[in-house]
Amino acid sequence: MTASRTLAEGGMETSYGFRDVAEGEKQGLVNEVFHKVAKRYDIMNDVMSAGMHRLWKDAMVAALHPSKNPSYKVLDVAGGTGDIAFRIVEASKRQAHVTVLDINASMLQVGEERAAKKRLSDNVTFVEANAEALPFEDNSFDAYTVAFGIRNVPRIDTALSEAFRVLKRGGRLLVLEFSEVQLPVLDEVYDQWSFKAIPKFGQMITGDGEPYQYLVESIRKFPNQKDFARMVETAGFSRVAYTNYTGGIVALHSGWKI
């Protein structure tokens, strides 16, 4: 049931899963998805990935290798529940500061509650804003991270241009995202799991399977590794590269502002 991947000009602005929607409509639909799943988002991540998302995120933060300098600043986009931010802060020995930006207030609320419980509120700031119009000055951050969120942005090219703008010279972009499976047998198994099991688990755990149907479909519509790498280059980044994890189920993309 693998769907062909499409690359809309500028991103996925009219793609809501396998359904085409009017330009300007996608953001509201995606917001509604994350309002529905916010409270159980991290539980469902464990279910959907069989716990692998934890290893992928750990690998992302290890690749970032955050500085232990108190002046080191990271912008984590679409990171509402704080999963990446908390990892970065801990990897920096609680020296780095991470600004978590998300367009969804429900996800941010979960993140703020988690930060308080972990006593990380001094290291993490939560901001409700759009990745396509970042409310920050040019050259503000040492790193920009986004994990499993870029595919939900309607205008991906605009978000990448904004990432380039707010990064300092020498700053790094890291994007962790589901991608195109490279192994023939694994892609069939992955399709069966994605389309038949994940929406059912979503229904059982959250009481609503539809958001997870969208999330599964959105993965298949996202540009493959090479196409997305070209988008990163087009945004102005240098030394663009990607690393496949778990046979290409996930890829970590990297670029530098030089």
Protein backbone atom coordinates (compact mmCIF):
# COMPACT_ATOMS: atom_id res chain seq x y z
CA MET A 1 0.00 0.00 0.00
CA THR A 2 2.99 2.26 -0.34
CA ALA A 3 1.94 5.58 -1.84
CA SER A 4 4.13 7.47 -4.24
CA ARG A 5 5.95 10.36 -2.62
CA THR A 6 5.14 13.75 -4.00
CA LEU A 7 7.10 16.95 -3.67
CA ALA A 8 4.85 19.97 -3.91
CA GLU A 9 6.49 23.22 -4.87
CA GLY A 10 7.62 24.57 -1.54
CA GLY A 11 6.54 21.51 0.42
CA MET A 12 3.26 19.83 1.33
CA GLU A 13 0.93 22.80 1.67
CA THR A 14 -2.09 21.10 0.07
CA SER A 15 -1.41 17.56 1.29
CA TYR A 16 -3.30 16.35 4.36
CA GLY A 17 -2.23 12.74 4.37
CA PHE A 18 -3.47 11.19 1.14
CA ARG A 19 -6.16 13.86 0.82
CA ASP A 20 -5.65 17.09 -1.10
CA VAL A 21 -7.01 20.16 0.66
CA ALA A 22 -7.29 23.80 -0.24
CA GLU A 23 -4.23 25.97 0.27
CA GLY A 24 -4.40 27.45 3.75
CA GLU A 25 -6.58 24.62 5.10
CA LYS A 26 -3.88 22.16 6.14
CA GLN A 27 -2.56 24.02 9.18
CA GLY A 28 -5.92 24.03 10.93
CA LEU A 29 -6.44 20.33 10.25
CA VAL A 30 -2.99 19.46 11.56
CA ASN A 31 -3.54 21.60 14.66
CA GLU A 32 -6.71 19.67 15.41
CA VAL A 33 -4.81 16.38 15.13
CA PHE A 34 -2.29 17.44 17.76
CA HIS A 35 -4.90 18.91 20.08
CA LYS A 36 -6.48 15.44 20.06
CA VAL A 37 -3.31 13.45 20.66
CA ALA A 38 -1.30 15.77 22.95
CA LYS A 39 -2.00 14.01 26.26
CA ARG A 40 -1.11 10.58 24.87
CA TYR A 41 1.44 11.68 22.27
CA ASP A 42 4.51 10.20 23.96
CA ILE A 43 2.75 6.93 24.78
CA MET A 44 1.70 6.56 21.16
CA ASN A 45 5.24 7.30 19.99
CA ASP A 46 6.36 4.24 21.94
CA VAL A 47 3.59 2.13 20.44
CA MET A 48 4.02 3.35 16.86
CA SER A 49 7.79 2.87 16.81
CA ALA A 50 8.03 -0.08 19.21
CA GLY A 51 10.13 2.22 21.39
CA MET A 52 12.63 2.95 18.61
CA HIS A 53 11.86 6.68 18.62
CA ARG A 54 13.85 6.94 21.85
CA LEU A 55 16.97 5.53 20.18
CA TRP A 56 16.52 7.73 17.10
CA LYS A 57 16.18 10.85 19.26
CA ASP A 58 19.20 9.86 21.34
CA ALA A 59 21.19 9.45 18.11
CA MET A 60 20.07 12.90 16.96
CA VAL A 61 21.23 14.57 20.17
CA ALA A 62 24.50 12.62 20.08
CA ALA A 63 25.07 13.92 16.53
CA LEU A 64 24.36 17.46 17.72
CA HIS A 65 26.84 17.04 20.58
CA PRO A 66 25.55 20.15 22.38
CA SER A 67 28.08 22.50 23.92
CA LYS A 68 28.40 22.72 27.69
CA ASN A 69 28.80 26.48 27.39
CA PRO A 70 25.93 28.35 29.15
CA SER A 71 25.66 30.68 26.15
CA TYR A 72 24.79 27.77 23.80
CA LYS A 73 21.26 28.24 22.45
CA VAL A 74 19.13 25.75 20.56
CA LEU A 75 15.78 26.24 18.85
CA ASP A 76 13.74 23.03 18.84
CA VAL A 77 10.82 23.41 16.44
CA ALA A 78 7.62 21.35 16.64
CA GLY A 79 8.97 19.95 19.88
CA GLY A 80 6.01 20.76 22.09
CA THR A 81 6.27 17.92 24.62
CA GLY A 82 9.96 18.61 25.20
CA ASP A 83 11.41 15.22 24.26
CA ILE A 84 14.34 16.61 22.27
CA ALA A 85 14.81 19.70 24.42
CA PHE A 86 15.21 17.70 27.62
CA ARG A 87 17.74 15.40 25.97
CA ILE A 88 19.77 18.38 24.74
CA VAL A 89 19.80 20.04 28.15
CA GLU A 90 20.89 16.83 29.89
CA ALA A 91 23.59 16.16 27.24
CA SER A 92 24.98 19.66 27.92
CA LYS A 93 25.14 18.93 31.66
CA ARG A 94 22.25 21.35 32.11
CA GLN A 95 24.21 24.25 30.64
CA ALA A 96 22.49 24.78 27.27
CA HIS A 97 19.26 26.70 26.86
CA VAL A 98 16.60 25.34 24.52
CA THR A 99 13.67 27.29 23.14
CA VAL A 100 10.87 24.91 22.24
CA LEU A 101 8.63 26.33 19.54
CA ASP A 102 5.33 24.74 18.59
CA ILE A 103 2.20 26.02 16.92
CA ASN A 104 0.01 23.82 19.11
CA ALA A 105 -0.84 25.07 22.62
CA SER A 106 -1.93 21.63 23.84
CA MET A 107 1.46 20.11 23.04
CA LEU A 108 3.26 23.03 24.71
CA GLN A 109 1.18 22.61 27.85
CA VAL A 110 2.31 19.00 28.11
CA GLY A 111 5.93 20.08 27.62
CA GLU A 112 5.76 22.77 30.28
CA GLU A 113 4.30 20.31 32.78
CA ARG A 114 7.05 17.80 32.00
CA ALA A 115 9.76 20.46 32.30
CA ALA A 116 8.50 21.44 35.74
CA LYS A 117 8.53 17.82 36.93
CA LYS A 118 12.09 17.39 35.63
CA ARG A 119 13.15 20.72 37.18
CA LEU A 120 14.29 21.96 33.79
CA SER A 121 12.11 25.07 33.55
CA ASP A 122 15.15 27.34 33.85
CA ASN A 123 16.79 25.64 30.85
CA VAL A 124 13.79 25.38 28.55
CA THR A 125 11.50 28.12 27.26
CA PHE A 126 8.24 27.30 25.48
CA VAL A 127 6.98 29.53 22.68
CA GLU A 128 3.75 29.22 20.71
CA ALA A 129 4.49 30.27 17.14
CA ASN A 130 4.59 29.16 13.51
CA ALA A 131 7.72 27.55 12.04
CA GLU A 132 7.06 29.52 8.84
CA ALA A 133 7.38 32.88 10.66
CA LEU A 134 9.79 32.56 13.58
CA PRO A 135 9.53 35.40 16.14
CA PHE A 136 13.29 35.67 16.57
CA GLU A 137 16.02 37.95 15.26
CA ASP A 138 18.52 36.87 12.63
CA ASN A 139 21.55 34.92 13.85
CA SER A 140 20.03 34.04 17.23
CA PHE A 141 20.72 30.32 17.70
CA ASP A 142 23.66 27.93 17.62
CA ALA A 143 21.49 25.01 16.49
CA TYR A 144 18.03 24.35 15.08
CA THR A 145 16.45 20.94 15.62
CA VAL A 146 13.15 19.43 14.55
CA ALA A 147 12.15 15.82 15.17
CA PHE A 148 9.18 14.28 13.37
CA GLY A 149 7.61 17.67 12.84
CA ILE A 150 8.80 19.14 9.56
CA ARG A 151 6.39 17.05 7.50
CA ASN A 152 3.46 18.70 9.28
CA VAL A 153 4.57 22.17 8.16
CA PRO A 154 2.59 23.25 5.07
CA ARG A 155 5.40 25.31 3.48
CA ILE A 156 8.54 23.36 4.22
CA ASP A 157 10.74 25.60 2.08
CA THR A 158 9.63 28.63 4.09
CA ALA A 159 10.38 26.85 7.37
CA LEU A 160 13.86 25.88 6.16
CA SER A 161 14.55 29.46 5.05
CA GLU A 162 13.50 30.66 8.48
CA ALA A 163 15.80 28.09 10.07
CA PHE A 164 18.69 29.46 8.02
CA ARG A 165 17.81 33.04 8.98
CA VAL A 166 17.77 32.53 12.75
CA LEU A 167 20.90 30.39 12.92
CA LYS A 168 24.25 32.03 13.65
CA ARG A 169 27.10 31.61 11.20
CA GLY A 170 28.53 28.20 11.96
CA GLY A 171 25.14 27.08 13.26
CA ARG A 172 23.76 23.63 12.52
CA LEU A 173 20.42 22.32 11.30
CA LEU A 174 19.34 18.81 12.30
CA VAL A 175 16.08 17.32 11.03
CA LEU A 176 14.94 13.88 12.16
CA GLU A 177 12.06 12.61 10.07
CA PHE A 178 10.41 9.45 8.81
CA SER A 179 11.66 8.69 5.34
CA GLU A 180 11.70 6.14 2.53
CA VAL A 181 12.49 2.56 3.56
CA GLN A 182 15.46 1.24 1.61
CA LEU A 183 15.06 -2.51 2.24
CA PRO A 184 12.50 -4.40 0.06
CA VAL A 185 11.22 -6.79 2.75
CA LEU A 186 11.23 -4.21 5.52
CA ASP A 187 9.13 -1.78 3.49
CA GLU A 188 6.33 -4.36 3.15
CA VAL A 189 6.37 -5.18 6.86
CA TYR A 190 6.46 -1.48 7.70
CA ASP A 191 3.47 -0.77 5.46
CA GLN A 192 1.42 -3.52 7.10
CA TRP A 193 2.28 -2.22 10.57
CA SER A 194 1.62 1.40 9.63
CA PHE A 195 -1.70 1.12 7.86
CA LYS A 196 -3.29 -1.80 9.72
CA ALA A 197 -1.95 -1.63 13.26
CA ILE A 198 -1.14 1.98 14.16
CA PRO A 199 -4.63 3.50 13.60
CA LYS A 200 -6.14 0.63 15.63
CA PHE A 201 -3.72 1.21 18.50
CA GLY A 202 -4.52 4.92 18.28
CA GLN A 203 -8.23 4.12 18.62
CA MET A 204 -7.58 1.86 21.60
CA ILE A 205 -5.23 4.20 23.48
CA THR A 206 -6.63 7.63 22.67
CA GLY A 207 -10.17 6.78 21.60
CA ASP A 208 -9.62 8.21 18.11
CA GLY A 209 -7.79 6.46 15.28
CA GLU A 210 -8.21 9.18 12.64
CA PRO A 211 -5.26 11.35 13.76
CA TYR A 212 -2.97 8.35 13.44
CA GLN A 213 -4.30 7.55 10.00
CA TYR A 214 -3.22 11.06 9.00
CA LEU A 215 0.21 10.70 10.63
CA VAL A 216 0.84 7.41 8.80
CA GLU A 217 -0.25 8.88 5.48
CA SER A 218 1.79 12.06 5.96
CA ILE A 219 4.94 9.95 6.27
CA ARG A 220 4.34 8.48 2.83
CA LYS A 221 3.81 11.91 1.27
CA PHE A 222 6.98 13.42 2.69
CA PRO A 223 9.92 13.81 0.25
CA ASN A 224 12.43 10.97 0.27
CA GLN A 225 15.98 11.38 1.55
CA LYS A 226 17.52 12.82 -1.61
CA ASP A 227 14.61 15.15 -2.37
CA PHE A 228 14.56 16.58 1.13
CA ALA A 229 18.35 17.01 1.12
CA ARG A 230 17.95 19.12 -2.02
CA MET A 231 15.39 21.28 -0.22
CA VAL A 232 17.87 21.84 2.62
CA GLU A 233 20.53 22.87 0.11
CA THR A 234 18.11 25.20 -1.67
CA ALA A 235 17.48 26.96 1.65
CA GLY A 236 21.16 27.92 1.72
CA PHE A 237 22.72 25.24 3.90
CA SER A 238 26.17 23.79 3.23
CA ARG A 239 27.69 20.36 3.89
CA VAL A 240 24.23 18.84 3.62
CA ALA A 241 24.09 15.13 4.45
CA TYR A 242 21.74 12.50 5.81
CA THR A 243 22.06 9.25 7.74
CA ASN A 244 19.49 6.46 7.52
CA TYR A 245 18.35 4.70 10.67
CA THR A 246 16.57 1.34 10.78
CA GLY A 247 16.77 0.71 7.07
CA GLY A 248 15.58 4.17 6.11
CA ILE A 249 12.41 4.20 8.21
CA VAL A 250 13.93 7.35 9.66
CA ALA A 251 16.65 9.69 8.36
CA LEU A 252 18.66 12.34 10.15
CA HIS A 253 19.37 15.32 7.89
CA SER A 254 22.16 17.77 8.66
CA GLY A 255 23.23 21.12 7.25
CA TRP A 256 25.43 24.03 8.29
CA LYS A 257 25.10 27.78 7.93
CA ILE A 258 28.52 28.81 6.72
